[in-house]
């Protein structure tokens, strides 16, 4: 199992809200069989963000959660061009 590979970098095509970004990335991860339930992970990521903001600085954040819907861990880098880059760790 590789934590990172050629599918680990995603270039966002537009500016997303936080929820939209999580949904887009989690749907891609579900298609790649990294997640068993994208909507559950989105819900858990948003809940985690309510507890504490995962921003490291103005340009980088690391949203993450623990979930039984994660089949295996993977680090994803998302370049959002117009707003901060989020590293999503599941």
PDB file of N, CA and C in Angstrom:
ATOM      1  N   UNK A   1       0.841  -1.172   0.000  1.00  0.00           N
ATOM      2  CA  UNK A   1       0.000   0.000   0.000  1.00  0.00           C
ATOM      3  C   UNK A   1       0.886   1.236   0.000  1.00  0.00           C
ATOM      4  N   UNK A   2       0.662   2.121  -0.941  1.00  0.00           N
ATOM      5  CA  UNK A   2       1.411   3.375  -1.021  1.00  0.00           C
ATOM      6  C   UNK A   2       0.552   4.510  -0.497  1.00  0.00           C
ATOM      7  N   UNK A   3       1.127   5.323   0.396  1.00  0.00           N
ATOM      8  CA  UNK A   3       0.394   6.483   0.877  1.00  0.00           C
ATOM      9  C   UNK A   3       0.270   7.537  -0.201  1.00  0.00           C
ATOM     10  N   UNK A   4       1.266   7.607  -1.099  1.00  0.00           N
ATOM     11  CA  UNK A   4       1.209   8.580  -2.192  1.00  0.00           C
ATOM     12  C   UNK A   4       1.612   7.895  -3.490  1.00  0.00           C
ATOM     13  N   UNK A   5       0.956   8.296  -4.579  1.00  0.00           N
ATOM     14  CA  UNK A   5       1.315   7.843  -5.913  1.00  0.00           C
ATOM     15  C   UNK A   5       0.856   8.900  -6.911  1.00  0.00           C
ATOM     16  N   UNK A   6       0.809   8.565  -8.199  1.00  0.00           N
ATOM     17  CA  UNK A   6       0.467   9.562  -9.211  1.00  0.00           C
ATOM     18  C   UNK A   6      -0.953  10.103  -9.060  1.00  0.00           C
ATOM     19  N   UNK A   7      -1.822   9.387  -8.365  1.00  0.00           N
ATOM     20  CA  UNK A   7      -3.193   9.852  -8.135  1.00  0.00           C
ATOM     21  C   UNK A   7      -3.316  10.692  -6.866  1.00  0.00           C
ATOM     22  N   UNK A   8      -2.201  11.020  -6.246  1.00  0.00           N
ATOM     23  CA  UNK A   8      -2.218  11.727  -4.966  1.00  0.00           C
ATOM     24  C   UNK A   8      -2.246  13.245  -5.089  1.00  0.00           C
ATOM     25  N   UNK A   9      -2.196  13.758  -6.300  1.00  0.00           N
ATOM     26  CA  UNK A   9      -2.260  15.204  -6.511  1.00  0.00           C
ATOM     27  C   UNK A   9      -3.489  15.503  -7.352  1.00  0.00           C
ATOM     28  N   UNK A  10      -4.328  16.393  -6.851  1.00  0.00           N
ATOM     29  CA  UNK A  10      -5.563  16.776  -7.540  1.00  0.00           C
ATOM     30  C   UNK A  10      -5.522  18.273  -7.793  1.00  0.00           C
ATOM     31  N   UNK A  11      -5.814  18.670  -9.003  1.00  0.00           N
ATOM     32  CA  UNK A  11      -5.912  20.091  -9.333  1.00  0.00           C
ATOM     33  C   UNK A  11      -7.387  20.451  -9.424  1.00  0.00           C
ATOM     34  N   UNK A  12      -7.831  21.280  -8.501  1.00  0.00           N
ATOM     35  CA  UNK A  12      -9.233  21.700  -8.489  1.00  0.00           C
ATOM     36  C   UNK A  12      -9.521  22.542  -9.732  1.00  0.00           C
ATOM     37  N   UNK A  13     -10.644  22.301 -10.356  1.00  0.00           N
ATOM     38  CA  UNK A  13     -10.984  22.975 -11.604  1.00  0.00           C
ATOM     39  C   UNK A  13     -11.655  24.319 -11.394  1.00  0.00           C
ATOM     40  N   UNK A  14     -12.158  24.567 -10.208  1.00  0.00           N
ATOM     41  CA  UNK A  14     -12.851  25.813  -9.918  1.00  0.00           C
ATOM     42  C   UNK A  14     -12.681  26.125  -8.430  1.00  0.00           C
ATOM     43  N   UNK A  15     -13.211  27.224  -8.010  1.00  0.00           N
ATOM     44  CA  UNK A  15     -13.166  27.547  -6.591  1.00  0.00           C
ATOM     45  C   UNK A  15     -14.341  26.860  -5.905  1.00  0.00           C
ATOM     46  N   UNK A  16     -14.057  26.139  -4.857  1.00  0.00           N
ATOM     47  CA  UNK A  16     -15.061  25.364  -4.140  1.00  0.00           C
ATOM     48  C   UNK A  16     -15.287  25.934  -2.743  1.00  0.00           C
ATOM     49  N   UNK A  17     -16.467  25.682  -2.202  1.00  0.00           N
ATOM     50  CA  UNK A  17     -16.643  25.853  -0.763  1.00  0.00           C
ATOM     51  C   UNK A  17     -15.924  24.678  -0.111  1.00  0.00           C
ATOM     52  N   UNK A  18     -15.740  24.746   1.178  1.00  0.00           N
ATOM     53  CA  UNK A  18     -15.083  23.650   1.885  1.00  0.00           C
ATOM     54  C   UNK A  18     -15.854  22.348   1.671  1.00  0.00           C
ATOM     55  N   UNK A  19     -17.182  22.390   1.822  1.00  0.00           N
ATOM     56  CA  UNK A  19     -17.998  21.189   1.635  1.00  0.00           C
ATOM     57  C   UNK A  19     -17.855  20.652   0.210  1.00  0.00           C
ATOM     58  N   UNK A  20     -17.931  21.529  -0.778  1.00  0.00           N
ATOM     59  CA  UNK A  20     -17.808  21.089  -2.175  1.00  0.00           C
ATOM     60  C   UNK A  20     -16.452  20.458  -2.440  1.00  0.00           C
ATOM     61  N   UNK A  21     -15.404  21.033  -1.878  1.00  0.00           N
ATOM     62  CA  UNK A  21     -14.069  20.472  -2.066  1.00  0.00           C
ATOM     63  C   UNK A  21     -13.977  19.088  -1.432  1.00  0.00           C
ATOM     64  N   UNK A  22     -14.463  18.964  -0.196  1.00  0.00           N
ATOM     65  CA  UNK A  22     -14.453  17.652   0.458  1.00  0.00           C
ATOM     66  C   UNK A  22     -15.257  16.638  -0.346  1.00  0.00           C
ATOM     67  N   UNK A  23     -16.420  17.034  -0.846  1.00  0.00           N
ATOM     68  CA  UNK A  23     -17.248  16.119  -1.636  1.00  0.00           C
ATOM     69  C   UNK A  23     -16.531  15.689  -2.913  1.00  0.00           C
ATOM     70  N   UNK A  24     -15.923  16.634  -3.607  1.00  0.00           N
ATOM     71  CA  UNK A  24     -15.219  16.314  -4.845  1.00  0.00           C
ATOM     72  C   UNK A  24     -14.075  15.338  -4.602  1.00  0.00           C
ATOM     73  N   UNK A  25     -13.249  15.642  -3.621  1.00  0.00           N
ATOM     74  CA  UNK A  25     -12.099  14.784  -3.338  1.00  0.00           C
ATOM     75  C   UNK A  25     -12.554  13.422  -2.819  1.00  0.00           C
ATOM     76  N   UNK A  26     -13.507  13.396  -1.912  1.00  0.00           N
ATOM     77  CA  UNK A  26     -13.957  12.117  -1.358  1.00  0.00           C
ATOM     78  C   UNK A  26     -14.642  11.254  -2.412  1.00  0.00           C
ATOM     79  N   UNK A  27     -15.370  11.865  -3.327  1.00  0.00           N
ATOM     80  CA  UNK A  27     -15.970  11.089  -4.415  1.00  0.00           C
ATOM     81  C   UNK A  27     -14.890  10.457  -5.288  1.00  0.00           C
ATOM     82  N   UNK A  28     -13.820  11.203  -5.558  1.00  0.00           N
ATOM     83  CA  UNK A  28     -12.704  10.640  -6.332  1.00  0.00           C
ATOM     84  C   UNK A  28     -12.038   9.498  -5.563  1.00  0.00           C
ATOM     85  N   UNK A  29     -11.879   9.674  -4.262  1.00  0.00           N
ATOM     86  CA  UNK A  29     -11.268   8.617  -3.450  1.00  0.00           C
ATOM     87  C   UNK A  29     -12.162   7.377  -3.376  1.00  0.00           C
ATOM     88  N   UNK A  30     -13.460   7.571  -3.366  1.00  0.00           N
ATOM     89  CA  UNK A  30     -14.375   6.418  -3.375  1.00  0.00           C
ATOM     90  C   UNK A  30     -14.279   5.665  -4.699  1.00  0.00           C
ATOM     91  N   UNK A  31     -14.176   6.398  -5.809  1.00  0.00           N
ATOM     92  CA  UNK A  31     -14.028   5.750  -7.113  1.00  0.00           C
ATOM     93  C   UNK A  31     -12.729   4.951  -7.193  1.00  0.00           C
ATOM     94  N   UNK A  32     -11.703   5.427  -6.488  1.00  0.00           N
ATOM     95  CA  UNK A  32     -10.406   4.733  -6.452  1.00  0.00           C
ATOM     96  C   UNK A  32     -10.360   3.651  -5.380  1.00  0.00           C
ATOM     97  N   UNK A  33     -11.483   3.430  -4.711  1.00  0.00           N
ATOM     98  CA  UNK A  33     -11.613   2.408  -3.662  1.00  0.00           C
ATOM     99  C   UNK A  33     -10.725   2.669  -2.451  1.00  0.00           C
ATOM    100  N   UNK A  34     -10.490   3.948  -2.165  1.00  0.00           N
ATOM    101  CA  UNK A  34      -9.779   4.350  -0.955  1.00  0.00           C
ATOM    102  C   UNK A  34     -10.789   4.523   0.175  1.00  0.00           C
ATOM    103  N   UNK A  35     -12.003   4.953  -0.200  1.00  0.00           N
ATOM    104  CA  UNK A  35     -13.092   5.132   0.756  1.00  0.00           C
ATOM    105  C   UNK A  35     -14.257   4.230   0.375  1.00  0.00           C
ATOM    106  N   UNK A  36     -14.946   3.711   1.375  1.00  0.00           N
ATOM    107  CA  UNK A  36     -16.138   2.908   1.097  1.00  0.00           C
ATOM    108  C   UNK A  36     -17.400   3.755   1.067  1.00  0.00           C
ATOM    109  N   UNK A  37     -17.361   4.930   1.695  1.00  0.00           N
ATOM    110  CA  UNK A  37     -18.539   5.796   1.774  1.00  0.00           C
ATOM    111  C   UNK A  37     -18.094   7.252   1.787  1.00  0.00           C
ATOM    112  N   UNK A  38     -18.100   7.880   0.625  1.00  0.00           N
ATOM    113  CA  UNK A  38     -17.623   9.261   0.490  1.00  0.00           C
ATOM    114  C   UNK A  38     -18.434  10.222   1.346  1.00  0.00           C
ATOM    115  N   UNK A  39     -19.751  10.078   1.354  1.00  0.00           N
ATOM    116  CA  UNK A  39     -20.586  11.020   2.103  1.00  0.00           C
ATOM    117  C   UNK A  39     -20.331  10.939   3.603  1.00  0.00           C
ATOM    118  N   UNK A  40     -20.040   9.751   4.120  1.00  0.00           N
ATOM    119  CA  UNK A  40     -19.727   9.601   5.541  1.00  0.00           C
ATOM    120  C   UNK A  40     -18.411  10.301   5.879  1.00  0.00           C
ATOM    121  N   UNK A  41     -17.427  10.178   5.024  1.00  0.00           N
ATOM    122  CA  UNK A  41     -16.140  10.831   5.273  1.00  0.00           C
ATOM    123  C   UNK A  41     -16.290  12.349   5.164  1.00  0.00           C
ATOM    124  N   UNK A  42     -17.070  12.839   4.214  1.00  0.00           N
ATOM    125  CA  UNK A  42     -17.328  14.282   4.114  1.00  0.00           C
ATOM    126  C   UNK A  42     -17.939  14.771   5.417  1.00  0.00           C
ATOM    127  N   UNK A  43     -18.940  14.055   5.908  1.00  0.00           N
ATOM    128  CA  UNK A  43     -19.590  14.422   7.166  1.00  0.00           C
ATOM    129  C   UNK A  43     -18.576  14.476   8.306  1.00  0.00           C
ATOM    130  N   UNK A  44     -17.704  13.482   8.379  1.00  0.00           N
ATOM    131  CA  UNK A  44     -16.720  13.425   9.459  1.00  0.00           C
ATOM    132  C   UNK A  44     -15.649  14.507   9.310  1.00  0.00           C
ATOM    133  N   UNK A  45     -15.264  14.822   8.084  1.00  0.00           N
ATOM    134  CA  UNK A  45     -14.311  15.912   7.873  1.00  0.00           C
ATOM    135  C   UNK A  45     -14.902  17.248   8.326  1.00  0.00           C
ATOM    136  N   UNK A  46     -16.168  17.486   7.987  1.00  0.00           N
ATOM    137  CA  UNK A  46     -16.821  18.731   8.397  1.00  0.00           C
ATOM    138  C   UNK A  46     -16.981  18.801   9.913  1.00  0.00           C
ATOM    139  N   UNK A  47     -17.300  17.670  10.540  1.00  0.00           N
ATOM    140  CA  UNK A  47     -17.388  17.630  12.007  1.00  0.00           C
ATOM    141  C   UNK A  47     -16.029  17.927  12.631  1.00  0.00           C
ATOM    142  N   UNK A  48     -14.972  17.374  12.059  1.00  0.00           N
ATOM    143  CA  UNK A  48     -13.617  17.620  12.563  1.00  0.00           C
ATOM    144  C   UNK A  48     -13.266  19.100  12.445  1.00  0.00           C
ATOM    145  N   UNK A  49     -13.654  19.721  11.361  1.00  0.00           N
ATOM    146  CA  UNK A  49     -13.380  21.143  11.155  1.00  0.00           C
ATOM    147  C   UNK A  49     -14.116  22.007  12.185  1.00  0.00           C
ATOM    148  N   UNK A  50     -15.286  21.556  12.647  1.00  0.00           N
ATOM    149  CA  UNK A  50     -16.028  22.290  13.672  1.00  0.00           C
ATOM    150  C   UNK A  50     -15.300  22.270  15.013  1.00  0.00           C
ATOM    151  N   UNK A  51     -14.625  21.174  15.300  1.00  0.00           N
ATOM    152  CA  UNK A  51     -13.882  21.050  16.560  1.00  0.00           C
ATOM    153  C   UNK A  51     -12.694  21.987  16.567  1.00  0.00           C
ATOM    154  N   UNK A  52     -11.951  21.981  15.481  1.00  0.00           N
ATOM    155  CA  UNK A  52     -10.767  22.821  15.377  1.00  0.00           C
ATOM    156  C   UNK A  52     -10.390  22.985  13.917  1.00  0.00           C
ATOM    157  N   UNK A  53     -10.126  24.212  13.534  1.00  0.00           N
ATOM    158  CA  UNK A  53      -9.709  24.523  12.175  1.00  0.00           C
ATOM    159  C   UNK A  53      -8.399  23.797  11.878  1.00  0.00           C
ATOM    160  N   UNK A  54      -8.289  23.190  10.711  1.00  0.00           N
ATOM    161  CA  UNK A  54      -7.079  22.433  10.368  1.00  0.00           C
ATOM    162  C   UNK A  54      -6.093  23.235   9.520  1.00  0.00           C
ATOM    163  N   UNK A  55      -6.311  24.561   9.434  1.00  0.00           N
ATOM    164  CA  UNK A  55      -5.347  25.387   8.700  1.00  0.00           C
ATOM    165  C   UNK A  55      -4.018  25.427   9.439  1.00  0.00           C
ATOM    166  N   UNK A  56      -2.941  25.324   8.683  1.00  0.00           N
ATOM    167  CA  UNK A  56      -1.596  25.456   9.226  1.00  0.00           C
ATOM    168  C   UNK A  56      -1.151  26.907   9.104  1.00  0.00           C
ATOM    169  N   UNK A  57      -1.443  27.507   7.957  1.00  0.00           N
ATOM    170  CA  UNK A  57      -1.232  28.939   7.744  1.00  0.00           C
ATOM    171  C   UNK A  57      -2.227  29.379   6.669  1.00  0.00           C
ATOM    172  N   UNK A  58      -2.035  30.549   6.101  1.00  0.00           N
ATOM    173  CA  UNK A  58      -2.998  31.061   5.124  1.00  0.00           C
ATOM    174  C   UNK A  58      -3.050  30.252   3.831  1.00  0.00           C
ATOM    175  N   UNK A  59      -2.038  29.460   3.558  1.00  0.00           N
ATOM    176  CA  UNK A  59      -1.985  28.731   2.291  1.00  0.00           C
ATOM    177  C   UNK A  59      -2.097  27.218   2.415  1.00  0.00           C
ATOM    178  N   UNK A  60      -2.040  26.696   3.613  1.00  0.00           N
ATOM    179  CA  UNK A  60      -2.016  25.235   3.771  1.00  0.00           C
ATOM    180  C   UNK A  60      -2.940  24.809   4.910  1.00  0.00           C
ATOM    181  N   UNK A  61      -3.672  23.730   4.658  1.00  0.00           N
ATOM    182  CA  UNK A  61      -4.507  23.118   5.692  1.00  0.00           C
ATOM    183  C   UNK A  61      -4.380  21.604   5.564  1.00  0.00           C
ATOM    184  N   UNK A  62      -4.694  20.899   6.631  1.00  0.00           N
ATOM    185  CA  UNK A  62      -4.627  19.435   6.613  1.00  0.00           C
ATOM    186  C   UNK A  62      -5.899  18.828   7.192  1.00  0.00           C
ATOM    187  N   UNK A  63      -7.017  18.951   6.469  1.00  0.00           N
ATOM    188  CA  UNK A  63      -8.240  18.300   6.950  1.00  0.00           C
ATOM    189  C   UNK A  63      -8.016  16.797   7.058  1.00  0.00           C
ATOM    190  N   UNK A  64      -8.521  16.206   8.125  1.00  0.00           N
ATOM    191  CA  UNK A  64      -8.341  14.780   8.340  1.00  0.00           C
ATOM    192  C   UNK A  64      -9.404  14.285   9.310  1.00  0.00           C
ATOM    193  N   UNK A  65      -9.610  12.976   9.310  1.00  0.00           N
ATOM    194  CA  UNK A  65     -10.540  12.365  10.249  1.00  0.00           C
ATOM    195  C   UNK A  65     -10.204  10.889  10.367  1.00  0.00           C
ATOM    196  N   UNK A  66     -10.714  10.282  11.425  1.00  0.00           N
ATOM    197  CA  UNK A  66     -10.647   8.828  11.562  1.00  0.00           C
ATOM    198  C   UNK A  66     -12.023   8.308  11.205  1.00  0.00           C
ATOM    199  N   UNK A  67     -12.075   7.311  10.342  1.00  0.00           N
ATOM    200  CA  UNK A  67     -13.363   6.818   9.881  1.00  0.00           C
ATOM    201  C   UNK A  67     -13.272   5.356   9.484  1.00  0.00           C
ATOM    202  N   UNK A  68     -14.314   4.615   9.816  1.00  0.00           N
ATOM    203  CA  UNK A  68     -14.382   3.217   9.379  1.00  0.00           C
ATOM    204  C   UNK A  68     -14.631   3.126   7.869  1.00  0.00           C
ATOM    205  N   UNK A  69     -14.989   4.255   7.238  1.00  0.00           N
ATOM    206  CA  UNK A  69     -15.207   4.290   5.787  1.00  0.00           C
ATOM    207  C   UNK A  69     -13.901   4.418   5.009  1.00  0.00           C
ATOM    208  N   UNK A  70     -12.777   4.578   5.711  1.00  0.00           N
ATOM    209  CA  UNK A  70     -11.469   4.646   5.054  1.00  0.00           C
ATOM    210  C   UNK A  70     -10.953   3.210   4.898  1.00  0.00           C
ATOM    211  N   UNK A  71     -10.800   2.787   3.665  1.00  0.00           N
ATOM    212  CA  UNK A  71     -10.314   1.431   3.392  1.00  0.00           C
ATOM    213  C   UNK A  71      -8.821   1.339   3.660  1.00  0.00           C
ATOM    214  N   UNK A  72      -8.068   2.340   3.204  1.00  0.00           N
ATOM    215  CA  UNK A  72      -6.644   2.442   3.545  1.00  0.00           C
ATOM    216  C   UNK A  72      -6.252   3.908   3.532  1.00  0.00           C
ATOM    217  N   UNK A  73      -5.258   4.273   4.338  1.00  0.00           N
ATOM    218  CA  UNK A  73      -4.865   5.686   4.431  1.00  0.00           C
ATOM    219  C   UNK A  73      -4.174   6.158   3.152  1.00  0.00           C
ATOM    220  N   UNK A  74      -4.387   7.425   2.846  1.00  0.00           N
ATOM    221  CA  UNK A  74      -3.770   8.012   1.658  1.00  0.00           C
ATOM    222  C   UNK A  74      -3.622   9.506   1.894  1.00  0.00           C
ATOM    223  N   UNK A  75      -2.535  10.064   1.450  1.00  0.00           N
ATOM    224  CA  UNK A  75      -2.311  11.503   1.518  1.00  0.00           C
ATOM    225  C   UNK A  75      -2.617  12.082   0.147  1.00  0.00           C
ATOM    226  N   UNK A  76      -3.481  13.106   0.120  1.00  0.00           N
ATOM    227  CA  UNK A  76      -3.878  13.745  -1.125  1.00  0.00           C
ATOM    228  C   UNK A  76      -3.501  15.213  -1.051  1.00  0.00           C
ATOM    229  N   UNK A  77      -2.832  15.712  -2.065  1.00  0.00           N
ATOM    230  CA  UNK A  77      -2.523  17.136  -2.162  1.00  0.00           C
ATOM    231  C   UNK A  77      -3.482  17.751  -3.176  1.00  0.00           C
ATOM    232  N   UNK A  78      -4.162  18.808  -2.773  1.00  0.00           N
ATOM    233  CA  UNK A  78      -5.119  19.465  -3.650  1.00  0.00           C
ATOM    234  C   UNK A  78      -4.647  20.891  -3.903  1.00  0.00           C
ATOM    235  N   UNK A  79      -4.380  21.198  -5.144  1.00  0.00           N
ATOM    236  CA  UNK A  79      -3.993  22.559  -5.519  1.00  0.00           C
ATOM    237  C   UNK A  79      -5.260  23.267  -5.976  1.00  0.00           C
ATOM    238  N   UNK A  80      -5.674  24.256  -5.211  1.00  0.00           N
ATOM    239  CA  UNK A  80      -6.929  24.951  -5.488  1.00  0.00           C
ATOM    240  C   UNK A  80      -6.728  26.243  -6.259  1.00  0.00           C
ATOM    241  N   UNK A  81      -5.527  26.571  -6.634  1.00  0.00           N
ATOM    242  CA  UNK A  81      -5.145  27.736  -7.435  1.00  0.00           C
ATOM    243  C   UNK A  81      -5.583  29.054  -6.838  1.00  0.00           C
ATOM    244  N   UNK A  82      -6.862  29.265  -6.594  1.00  0.00           N
ATOM    245  CA  UNK A  82      -7.351  30.563  -6.162  1.00  0.00           C
ATOM    246  C   UNK A  82      -7.499  30.689  -4.657  1.00  0.00           C
ATOM    247  N   UNK A  83      -7.323  29.609  -3.950  1.00  0.00           N
ATOM    248  CA  UNK A  83      -7.391  29.672  -2.502  1.00  0.00           C
ATOM    249  C   UNK A  83      -6.519  28.568  -1.942  1.00  0.00           C
ATOM    250  N   UNK A  84      -6.386  28.438  -0.641  1.00  0.00           N
ATOM    251  CA  UNK A  84      -5.363  27.565  -0.046  1.00  0.00           C
ATOM    252  C   UNK A  84      -5.332  26.138  -0.570  1.00  0.00           C
ATOM    253  N   UNK A  85      -4.155  25.561  -0.514  1.00  0.00           N
ATOM    254  CA  UNK A  85      -3.953  24.155  -0.848  1.00  0.00           C
ATOM    255  C   UNK A  85      -4.258  23.355   0.406  1.00  0.00           C
ATOM    256  N   UNK A  86      -5.087  22.328   0.262  1.00  0.00           N
ATOM    257  CA  UNK A  86      -5.437  21.480   1.393  1.00  0.00           C
ATOM    258  C   UNK A  86      -4.794  20.124   1.198  1.00  0.00           C
ATOM    259  N   UNK A  87      -4.133  19.637   2.193  1.00  0.00           N
ATOM    260  CA  UNK A  87      -3.664  18.255   2.184  1.00  0.00           C
ATOM    261  C   UNK A  87      -4.692  17.461   2.951  1.00  0.00           C
ATOM    262  N   UNK A  88      -5.389  16.564   2.312  1.00  0.00           N
ATOM    263  CA  UNK A  88      -6.448  15.807   2.976  1.00  0.00           C
ATOM    264  C   UNK A  88      -5.889  14.447   3.344  1.00  0.00           C
ATOM    265  N   UNK A  89      -5.889  14.169   4.610  1.00  0.00           N
ATOM    266  CA  UNK A  89      -5.382  12.890   5.105  1.00  0.00           C
ATOM    267  C   UNK A  89      -6.545  12.131   5.713  1.00  0.00           C
ATOM    268  N   UNK A  90      -6.750  10.917   5.254  1.00  0.00           N
ATOM    269  CA  UNK A  90      -7.813  10.104   5.805  1.00  0.00           C
ATOM    270  C   UNK A  90      -7.218   8.926   6.523  1.00  0.00           C
TER     271      UNK A  90
END
